[in-house]
N, C-alpha and C. Protein backbone atom coordinates (compact mmCIF):
# COMPACT_ATOMS: atom_id res chain seq x y z
N MET A 1 13.77 -14.51 11.08
CA MET A 1 12.74 -13.80 10.34
C MET A 1 13.15 -12.34 10.20
N SER A 2 13.07 -11.80 9.02
CA SER A 2 13.50 -10.42 8.81
C SER A 2 12.41 -9.45 9.24
N ARG A 3 12.83 -8.29 9.69
CA ARG A 3 11.90 -7.26 10.12
C ARG A 3 11.28 -6.58 8.91
N SER A 4 10.04 -6.17 9.04
CA SER A 4 9.38 -5.47 7.95
C SER A 4 9.87 -4.03 7.90
N ILE A 5 9.61 -3.38 6.79
CA ILE A 5 9.96 -1.97 6.65
C ILE A 5 9.21 -1.16 7.70
N GLU A 6 7.96 -1.48 7.93
CA GLU A 6 7.18 -0.78 8.95
C GLU A 6 7.81 -0.95 10.34
N ASP A 7 8.31 -2.16 10.64
CA ASP A 7 8.97 -2.41 11.92
C ASP A 7 10.23 -1.56 12.05
N ARG A 8 11.00 -1.48 10.97
CA ARG A 8 12.23 -0.68 11.01
C ARG A 8 11.91 0.79 11.23
N LEU A 9 10.88 1.30 10.54
CA LEU A 9 10.48 2.69 10.75
C LEU A 9 10.06 2.92 12.20
N SER A 10 9.32 1.99 12.76
CA SER A 10 8.89 2.10 14.15
C SER A 10 10.09 2.09 15.10
N GLU A 11 11.04 1.19 14.87
CA GLU A 11 12.24 1.13 15.70
C GLU A 11 13.04 2.42 15.64
N LEU A 12 13.02 3.07 14.49
CA LEU A 12 13.73 4.34 14.30
C LEU A 12 12.89 5.53 14.78
N LYS A 13 11.69 5.24 15.30
CA LYS A 13 10.76 6.27 15.78
C LYS A 13 10.39 7.27 14.68
N ILE A 14 10.15 6.71 13.48
CA ILE A 14 9.77 7.54 12.34
C ILE A 14 8.30 7.30 12.02
N ASP A 15 7.52 8.37 12.13
CA ASP A 15 6.14 8.37 11.66
C ASP A 15 6.16 9.10 10.33
N LEU A 16 5.74 8.42 9.28
CA LEU A 16 5.77 9.05 7.96
C LEU A 16 4.77 10.21 7.92
N PRO A 17 5.25 11.39 7.50
CA PRO A 17 4.36 12.55 7.42
C PRO A 17 3.47 12.47 6.18
N THR A 18 2.43 13.28 6.18
CA THR A 18 1.65 13.48 4.97
C THR A 18 2.43 14.47 4.13
N PRO A 19 2.89 14.06 2.95
CA PRO A 19 3.70 14.97 2.14
C PRO A 19 2.90 16.21 1.73
N PRO A 20 3.58 17.34 1.61
CA PRO A 20 2.89 18.55 1.19
C PRO A 20 2.47 18.48 -0.28
N THR A 21 1.50 19.28 -0.62
CA THR A 21 1.09 19.41 -2.02
C THR A 21 2.21 20.07 -2.80
N PRO A 22 2.46 19.65 -4.04
CA PRO A 22 3.52 20.30 -4.82
C PRO A 22 3.34 21.82 -4.88
N ALA A 23 4.46 22.53 -4.86
CA ALA A 23 4.45 23.99 -4.82
C ALA A 23 4.24 24.62 -6.19
N ALA A 24 4.23 23.81 -7.24
CA ALA A 24 4.09 24.34 -8.60
C ALA A 24 3.39 23.29 -9.46
N ASN A 25 3.50 23.44 -10.76
CA ASN A 25 2.81 22.58 -11.71
C ASN A 25 3.64 21.32 -12.02
N TYR A 26 3.65 20.40 -11.06
CA TYR A 26 4.34 19.12 -11.26
C TYR A 26 3.70 18.08 -10.34
N LEU A 27 4.00 16.82 -10.58
CA LEU A 27 3.48 15.72 -9.78
C LEU A 27 4.50 15.34 -8.71
N PRO A 28 4.05 14.87 -7.56
CA PRO A 28 4.99 14.45 -6.53
C PRO A 28 5.77 13.19 -6.92
N PHE A 29 5.17 12.36 -7.77
CA PHE A 29 5.86 11.19 -8.28
C PHE A 29 5.19 10.74 -9.58
N VAL A 30 5.97 10.01 -10.38
CA VAL A 30 5.46 9.44 -11.63
C VAL A 30 5.97 8.01 -11.70
N GLN A 31 5.05 7.09 -11.99
CA GLN A 31 5.44 5.70 -12.18
C GLN A 31 5.48 5.41 -13.67
N ASP A 32 6.58 4.82 -14.13
CA ASP A 32 6.73 4.39 -15.51
C ASP A 32 7.13 2.92 -15.46
N GLY A 33 6.17 2.05 -15.74
CA GLY A 33 6.44 0.63 -15.61
C GLY A 33 6.73 0.28 -14.17
N LYS A 34 7.88 -0.32 -13.93
CA LYS A 34 8.27 -0.71 -12.57
C LYS A 34 9.24 0.30 -11.95
N THR A 35 9.31 1.50 -12.52
CA THR A 35 10.19 2.54 -11.99
C THR A 35 9.36 3.70 -11.46
N LEU A 36 9.68 4.13 -10.25
CA LEU A 36 8.99 5.26 -9.63
C LEU A 36 9.99 6.41 -9.51
N TYR A 37 9.61 7.55 -10.06
CA TYR A 37 10.42 8.77 -9.98
C TYR A 37 9.75 9.70 -8.98
N VAL A 38 10.44 10.03 -7.90
CA VAL A 38 9.86 10.92 -6.89
C VAL A 38 10.53 12.28 -7.02
N SER A 39 9.69 13.30 -7.15
CA SER A 39 10.18 14.68 -7.28
C SER A 39 11.00 15.07 -6.06
N GLY A 40 11.82 16.10 -6.23
CA GLY A 40 12.66 16.58 -5.14
C GLY A 40 11.87 16.87 -3.89
N GLN A 41 12.34 16.32 -2.78
CA GLN A 41 11.70 16.52 -1.49
C GLN A 41 12.54 17.48 -0.65
N LEU A 42 11.86 18.36 0.02
CA LEU A 42 12.53 19.35 0.86
C LEU A 42 12.63 18.82 2.29
N PRO A 43 13.54 19.40 3.06
CA PRO A 43 13.71 18.95 4.45
C PRO A 43 12.68 19.62 5.36
N ILE A 44 11.53 18.98 5.46
CA ILE A 44 10.48 19.47 6.34
C ILE A 44 10.41 18.51 7.51
N LEU A 45 10.61 19.03 8.70
CA LEU A 45 10.60 18.22 9.91
C LEU A 45 9.61 18.84 10.89
N ASP A 46 8.61 18.06 11.26
CA ASP A 46 7.56 18.55 12.17
C ASP A 46 6.96 19.86 11.67
N GLY A 47 6.74 19.95 10.35
CA GLY A 47 6.11 21.12 9.76
C GLY A 47 7.02 22.32 9.55
N THR A 48 8.30 22.18 9.86
CA THR A 48 9.24 23.28 9.74
C THR A 48 10.26 22.99 8.64
N LEU A 49 10.46 23.97 7.75
CA LEU A 49 11.51 23.86 6.73
C LEU A 49 12.87 24.05 7.39
N LEU A 50 13.81 23.15 7.07
CA LEU A 50 15.17 23.28 7.58
C LEU A 50 15.97 24.08 6.55
N THR A 51 16.29 25.30 6.90
CA THR A 51 16.93 26.23 5.98
C THR A 51 18.36 26.50 6.38
N GLY A 52 19.11 27.11 5.46
CA GLY A 52 20.48 27.51 5.74
C GLY A 52 21.43 27.07 4.64
N LYS A 53 22.66 27.50 4.78
CA LYS A 53 23.68 27.23 3.76
C LYS A 53 24.87 26.54 4.43
N LEU A 54 25.26 25.38 3.86
CA LEU A 54 26.44 24.67 4.35
C LEU A 54 27.69 25.47 4.01
N GLY A 55 28.59 25.54 4.95
CA GLY A 55 29.80 26.33 4.76
C GLY A 55 29.62 27.78 5.21
N HIS A 56 28.40 28.13 5.61
CA HIS A 56 28.13 29.49 6.09
C HIS A 56 27.50 29.44 7.48
N ASP A 57 26.26 28.95 7.56
CA ASP A 57 25.59 28.95 8.86
C ASP A 57 25.11 27.58 9.32
N LEU A 58 25.47 26.52 8.59
CA LEU A 58 25.11 25.16 8.99
C LEU A 58 26.35 24.27 9.05
N THR A 59 26.36 23.36 10.03
CA THR A 59 27.43 22.37 10.13
C THR A 59 27.08 21.17 9.25
N VAL A 60 28.05 20.31 9.03
CA VAL A 60 27.82 19.08 8.28
C VAL A 60 26.74 18.25 8.96
N ASP A 61 26.77 18.16 10.29
CA ASP A 61 25.76 17.38 11.01
C ASP A 61 24.37 17.96 10.83
N GLU A 62 24.24 19.28 10.84
CA GLU A 62 22.94 19.91 10.60
C GLU A 62 22.47 19.65 9.17
N GLY A 63 23.40 19.68 8.22
CA GLY A 63 23.05 19.36 6.84
C GLY A 63 22.62 17.92 6.69
N ALA A 64 23.31 17.01 7.39
CA ALA A 64 22.95 15.59 7.33
C ALA A 64 21.56 15.37 7.93
N ALA A 65 21.22 16.11 8.97
CA ALA A 65 19.87 16.02 9.55
C ALA A 65 18.82 16.50 8.54
N ALA A 66 19.15 17.53 7.78
CA ALA A 66 18.25 18.02 6.74
C ALA A 66 18.10 16.97 5.63
N ALA A 67 19.20 16.33 5.24
CA ALA A 67 19.15 15.28 4.22
C ALA A 67 18.31 14.09 4.71
N ARG A 68 18.43 13.77 5.98
CA ARG A 68 17.62 12.70 6.57
C ARG A 68 16.13 13.05 6.49
N ALA A 69 15.80 14.31 6.77
CA ALA A 69 14.40 14.75 6.67
C ALA A 69 13.90 14.61 5.24
N CYS A 70 14.74 14.94 4.26
CA CYS A 70 14.36 14.75 2.85
C CYS A 70 14.08 13.27 2.58
N ALA A 71 14.92 12.40 3.13
CA ALA A 71 14.75 10.96 2.91
C ALA A 71 13.44 10.46 3.51
N ILE A 72 13.08 10.96 4.68
CA ILE A 72 11.81 10.58 5.29
C ILE A 72 10.66 10.98 4.36
N ASN A 73 10.76 12.16 3.77
CA ASN A 73 9.71 12.62 2.86
C ASN A 73 9.69 11.81 1.56
N LEU A 74 10.85 11.38 1.09
CA LEU A 74 10.89 10.47 -0.07
C LEU A 74 10.19 9.15 0.26
N ILE A 75 10.46 8.62 1.43
CA ILE A 75 9.86 7.36 1.85
C ILE A 75 8.34 7.52 1.98
N ALA A 76 7.90 8.68 2.47
CA ALA A 76 6.46 8.95 2.58
C ALA A 76 5.81 8.96 1.20
N GLN A 77 6.47 9.57 0.22
CA GLN A 77 5.93 9.58 -1.15
C GLN A 77 5.90 8.16 -1.72
N LEU A 78 6.96 7.39 -1.48
CA LEU A 78 7.01 6.00 -1.93
C LEU A 78 5.85 5.21 -1.33
N HIS A 79 5.61 5.40 -0.06
CA HIS A 79 4.53 4.71 0.65
C HIS A 79 3.18 5.01 0.00
N ILE A 80 2.94 6.27 -0.34
CA ILE A 80 1.70 6.65 -1.02
C ILE A 80 1.63 6.01 -2.41
N ALA A 81 2.73 6.08 -3.14
CA ALA A 81 2.76 5.53 -4.51
C ALA A 81 2.50 4.02 -4.50
N CYS A 82 2.89 3.35 -3.43
CA CYS A 82 2.69 1.90 -3.32
C CYS A 82 1.34 1.56 -2.70
N GLY A 83 0.46 2.54 -2.60
CA GLY A 83 -0.88 2.27 -2.11
C GLY A 83 -1.01 2.17 -0.61
N GLY A 84 -0.09 2.79 0.12
CA GLY A 84 -0.19 2.80 1.58
C GLY A 84 0.50 1.64 2.26
N SER A 85 1.32 0.93 1.53
CA SER A 85 2.14 -0.15 2.12
C SER A 85 3.44 -0.20 1.31
N PHE A 86 4.32 -1.09 1.71
CA PHE A 86 5.58 -1.21 0.97
C PHE A 86 5.65 -2.53 0.21
N THR A 87 4.52 -3.21 0.05
CA THR A 87 4.55 -4.51 -0.62
C THR A 87 4.97 -4.41 -2.08
N GLY A 88 4.75 -3.26 -2.72
CA GLY A 88 5.15 -3.09 -4.11
C GLY A 88 6.56 -2.58 -4.29
N PHE A 89 7.27 -2.31 -3.18
CA PHE A 89 8.64 -1.77 -3.24
C PHE A 89 9.65 -2.88 -3.49
N ASP A 90 10.64 -2.60 -4.36
CA ASP A 90 11.71 -3.56 -4.60
C ASP A 90 13.05 -3.04 -4.08
N ARG A 91 13.45 -1.82 -4.52
CA ARG A 91 14.73 -1.28 -4.07
C ARG A 91 14.84 0.21 -4.37
N VAL A 92 15.77 0.85 -3.65
CA VAL A 92 16.14 2.23 -3.96
C VAL A 92 17.16 2.14 -5.08
N VAL A 93 16.95 2.87 -6.17
CA VAL A 93 17.86 2.83 -7.31
C VAL A 93 18.87 3.97 -7.22
N LYS A 94 18.37 5.21 -7.07
CA LYS A 94 19.29 6.35 -7.08
C LYS A 94 18.68 7.53 -6.33
N LEU A 95 19.54 8.24 -5.62
CA LEU A 95 19.20 9.52 -5.01
C LEU A 95 20.05 10.60 -5.67
N THR A 96 19.43 11.71 -6.00
CA THR A 96 20.16 12.88 -6.48
C THR A 96 19.90 13.99 -5.49
N ALA A 97 20.97 14.48 -4.88
CA ALA A 97 20.85 15.46 -3.81
C ALA A 97 21.51 16.78 -4.20
N PHE A 98 20.83 17.85 -3.84
CA PHE A 98 21.35 19.20 -4.05
C PHE A 98 21.56 19.82 -2.68
N VAL A 99 22.77 20.30 -2.44
CA VAL A 99 23.14 20.84 -1.14
C VAL A 99 23.39 22.34 -1.30
N ASN A 100 22.62 23.14 -0.58
CA ASN A 100 22.77 24.59 -0.57
C ASN A 100 24.08 24.90 0.15
N SER A 101 25.11 25.27 -0.61
CA SER A 101 26.42 25.43 0.00
C SER A 101 27.24 26.54 -0.65
N THR A 102 28.20 27.01 0.11
CA THR A 102 29.11 28.05 -0.37
C THR A 102 30.04 27.46 -1.42
N PRO A 103 30.65 28.30 -2.26
CA PRO A 103 31.53 27.79 -3.31
C PRO A 103 32.72 26.98 -2.80
N ASP A 104 33.18 27.26 -1.59
CA ASP A 104 34.35 26.55 -1.07
C ASP A 104 34.00 25.34 -0.22
N PHE A 105 32.72 25.04 -0.03
CA PHE A 105 32.28 23.88 0.75
C PHE A 105 32.40 22.63 -0.12
N THR A 106 33.07 21.60 0.40
CA THR A 106 33.31 20.39 -0.41
C THR A 106 32.85 19.10 0.26
N GLU A 107 32.06 19.21 1.31
CA GLU A 107 31.65 18.01 2.04
C GLU A 107 30.20 17.60 1.75
N GLN A 108 29.74 17.86 0.54
CA GLN A 108 28.40 17.47 0.14
C GLN A 108 28.14 15.97 0.38
N PRO A 109 29.10 15.09 0.05
CA PRO A 109 28.85 13.66 0.29
C PRO A 109 28.55 13.34 1.76
N LYS A 110 29.23 14.00 2.68
CA LYS A 110 28.97 13.76 4.11
C LYS A 110 27.58 14.23 4.49
N VAL A 111 27.14 15.33 3.91
CA VAL A 111 25.79 15.84 4.17
C VAL A 111 24.76 14.82 3.68
N VAL A 112 24.93 14.33 2.46
CA VAL A 112 23.95 13.44 1.85
C VAL A 112 23.95 12.06 2.50
N ASN A 113 25.01 11.74 3.24
CA ASN A 113 25.01 10.48 4.00
C ASN A 113 23.82 10.41 4.95
N GLY A 114 23.31 11.57 5.38
CA GLY A 114 22.12 11.56 6.24
C GLY A 114 20.95 10.86 5.58
N ALA A 115 20.81 11.02 4.28
CA ALA A 115 19.74 10.34 3.53
C ALA A 115 20.13 8.91 3.20
N SER A 116 21.34 8.70 2.71
CA SER A 116 21.78 7.36 2.32
C SER A 116 21.77 6.40 3.49
N ASP A 117 22.26 6.86 4.64
CA ASP A 117 22.28 6.00 5.82
C ASP A 117 20.87 5.60 6.23
N LEU A 118 19.93 6.54 6.16
CA LEU A 118 18.55 6.22 6.53
C LEU A 118 17.95 5.20 5.57
N MET A 119 18.21 5.34 4.27
CA MET A 119 17.69 4.37 3.31
C MET A 119 18.18 2.96 3.64
N ALA A 120 19.45 2.84 4.01
CA ALA A 120 20.00 1.53 4.36
C ALA A 120 19.38 1.02 5.66
N GLN A 121 19.15 1.90 6.63
CA GLN A 121 18.54 1.48 7.89
C GLN A 121 17.11 1.00 7.68
N VAL A 122 16.37 1.69 6.86
CA VAL A 122 14.96 1.36 6.65
C VAL A 122 14.78 0.17 5.72
N PHE A 123 15.53 0.12 4.62
CA PHE A 123 15.30 -0.88 3.59
C PHE A 123 16.35 -1.99 3.56
N GLY A 124 17.35 -1.94 4.41
CA GLY A 124 18.39 -2.96 4.42
C GLY A 124 19.17 -2.95 3.12
N ALA A 125 19.49 -4.12 2.60
CA ALA A 125 20.27 -4.21 1.36
C ALA A 125 19.56 -3.54 0.19
N ALA A 126 18.23 -3.53 0.20
CA ALA A 126 17.46 -2.89 -0.87
C ALA A 126 17.55 -1.37 -0.80
N GLY A 127 18.13 -0.84 0.26
CA GLY A 127 18.30 0.60 0.40
C GLY A 127 19.61 1.12 -0.15
N LYS A 128 20.51 0.22 -0.51
CA LYS A 128 21.79 0.64 -1.11
C LYS A 128 21.52 1.13 -2.52
N HIS A 129 22.12 2.26 -2.89
CA HIS A 129 21.73 2.93 -4.13
C HIS A 129 22.89 3.68 -4.77
N ALA A 130 22.69 4.04 -6.03
CA ALA A 130 23.60 4.98 -6.69
C ALA A 130 23.23 6.37 -6.19
N ARG A 131 24.16 7.34 -6.34
CA ARG A 131 23.90 8.64 -5.74
C ARG A 131 24.71 9.74 -6.39
N SER A 132 24.15 10.94 -6.38
CA SER A 132 24.87 12.15 -6.74
C SER A 132 24.67 13.15 -5.60
N ALA A 133 25.72 13.87 -5.26
CA ALA A 133 25.66 14.92 -4.22
C ALA A 133 26.24 16.18 -4.84
N VAL A 134 25.35 17.13 -5.18
CA VAL A 134 25.72 18.29 -5.97
C VAL A 134 25.58 19.57 -5.16
N SER A 135 26.55 20.45 -5.27
CA SER A 135 26.45 21.76 -4.62
C SER A 135 25.53 22.66 -5.43
N ALA A 136 24.73 23.45 -4.73
CA ALA A 136 23.85 24.43 -5.37
C ALA A 136 24.01 25.76 -4.65
N PRO A 137 24.06 26.87 -5.40
CA PRO A 137 24.23 28.17 -4.75
C PRO A 137 22.99 28.63 -3.99
N ALA A 138 21.82 28.08 -4.34
CA ALA A 138 20.58 28.40 -3.65
C ALA A 138 19.56 27.32 -3.97
N LEU A 139 18.63 27.11 -3.05
CA LEU A 139 17.56 26.14 -3.24
C LEU A 139 16.23 26.79 -2.88
N PRO A 140 15.11 26.19 -3.32
CA PRO A 140 13.81 26.79 -3.05
C PRO A 140 13.60 27.06 -1.55
N PHE A 141 13.05 28.23 -1.26
CA PHE A 141 12.72 28.64 0.11
C PHE A 141 13.92 28.70 1.04
N GLY A 142 15.14 28.66 0.47
CA GLY A 142 16.35 28.72 1.28
C GLY A 142 16.67 27.44 2.03
N VAL A 143 16.07 26.30 1.60
CA VAL A 143 16.32 25.04 2.30
C VAL A 143 17.78 24.61 2.16
N ALA A 144 18.21 23.79 3.11
CA ALA A 144 19.59 23.32 3.13
C ALA A 144 19.86 22.24 2.09
N VAL A 145 18.87 21.39 1.83
CA VAL A 145 19.05 20.23 0.96
C VAL A 145 17.74 19.95 0.24
N GLU A 146 17.83 19.44 -0.98
CA GLU A 146 16.68 18.90 -1.71
C GLU A 146 17.13 17.59 -2.34
N ILE A 147 16.30 16.55 -2.22
CA ILE A 147 16.69 15.24 -2.75
C ILE A 147 15.53 14.63 -3.54
N GLU A 148 15.86 14.11 -4.73
CA GLU A 148 14.89 13.37 -5.53
C GLU A 148 15.32 11.91 -5.55
N GLY A 149 14.37 11.01 -5.82
CA GLY A 149 14.70 9.60 -5.78
C GLY A 149 14.09 8.79 -6.91
N ILE A 150 14.79 7.72 -7.25
CA ILE A 150 14.29 6.74 -8.21
C ILE A 150 14.24 5.40 -7.49
N PHE A 151 13.06 4.75 -7.58
CA PHE A 151 12.84 3.50 -6.88
C PHE A 151 12.35 2.43 -7.86
N ALA A 152 12.77 1.20 -7.64
CA ALA A 152 12.27 0.07 -8.43
C ALA A 152 11.11 -0.55 -7.67
N LEU A 153 10.06 -0.88 -8.40
CA LEU A 153 8.88 -1.52 -7.84
C LEU A 153 8.80 -2.95 -8.33
N LYS A 154 8.06 -3.76 -7.61
CA LYS A 154 7.89 -5.18 -8.00
C LYS A 154 6.89 -5.29 -9.13
């Protein structure tokens, strides 16, 4: 018998946070048919923004932890969009990640693995996705990473 998504989150000791209200004039997610588009999520962990720049004051591991925090917030938005459960979830389609990094930093994919690995741990085969990992010279509030997601619904 396969474990539920809720069981996997529990095993990983992840309590989904209440996502923050959008900081500007946009929606946290939009559903179009069976596709859910989740706005960029910031790395907020226990109420604290994870800030810094890769290649300057953050290590790849610290960046990956920030990407993981973004993924938790994406999952929290998905959970809300699905009405407080995951019964309407089908699969992760794509993550687009922006990494606050110096011009000479080239390990964005390793940073974003923090999010990709979590999606696979939580959703199993349905967590495998297409992905972009893009360098950005600055991100809102000085955060280390911002990630948006596209999900397929049943």
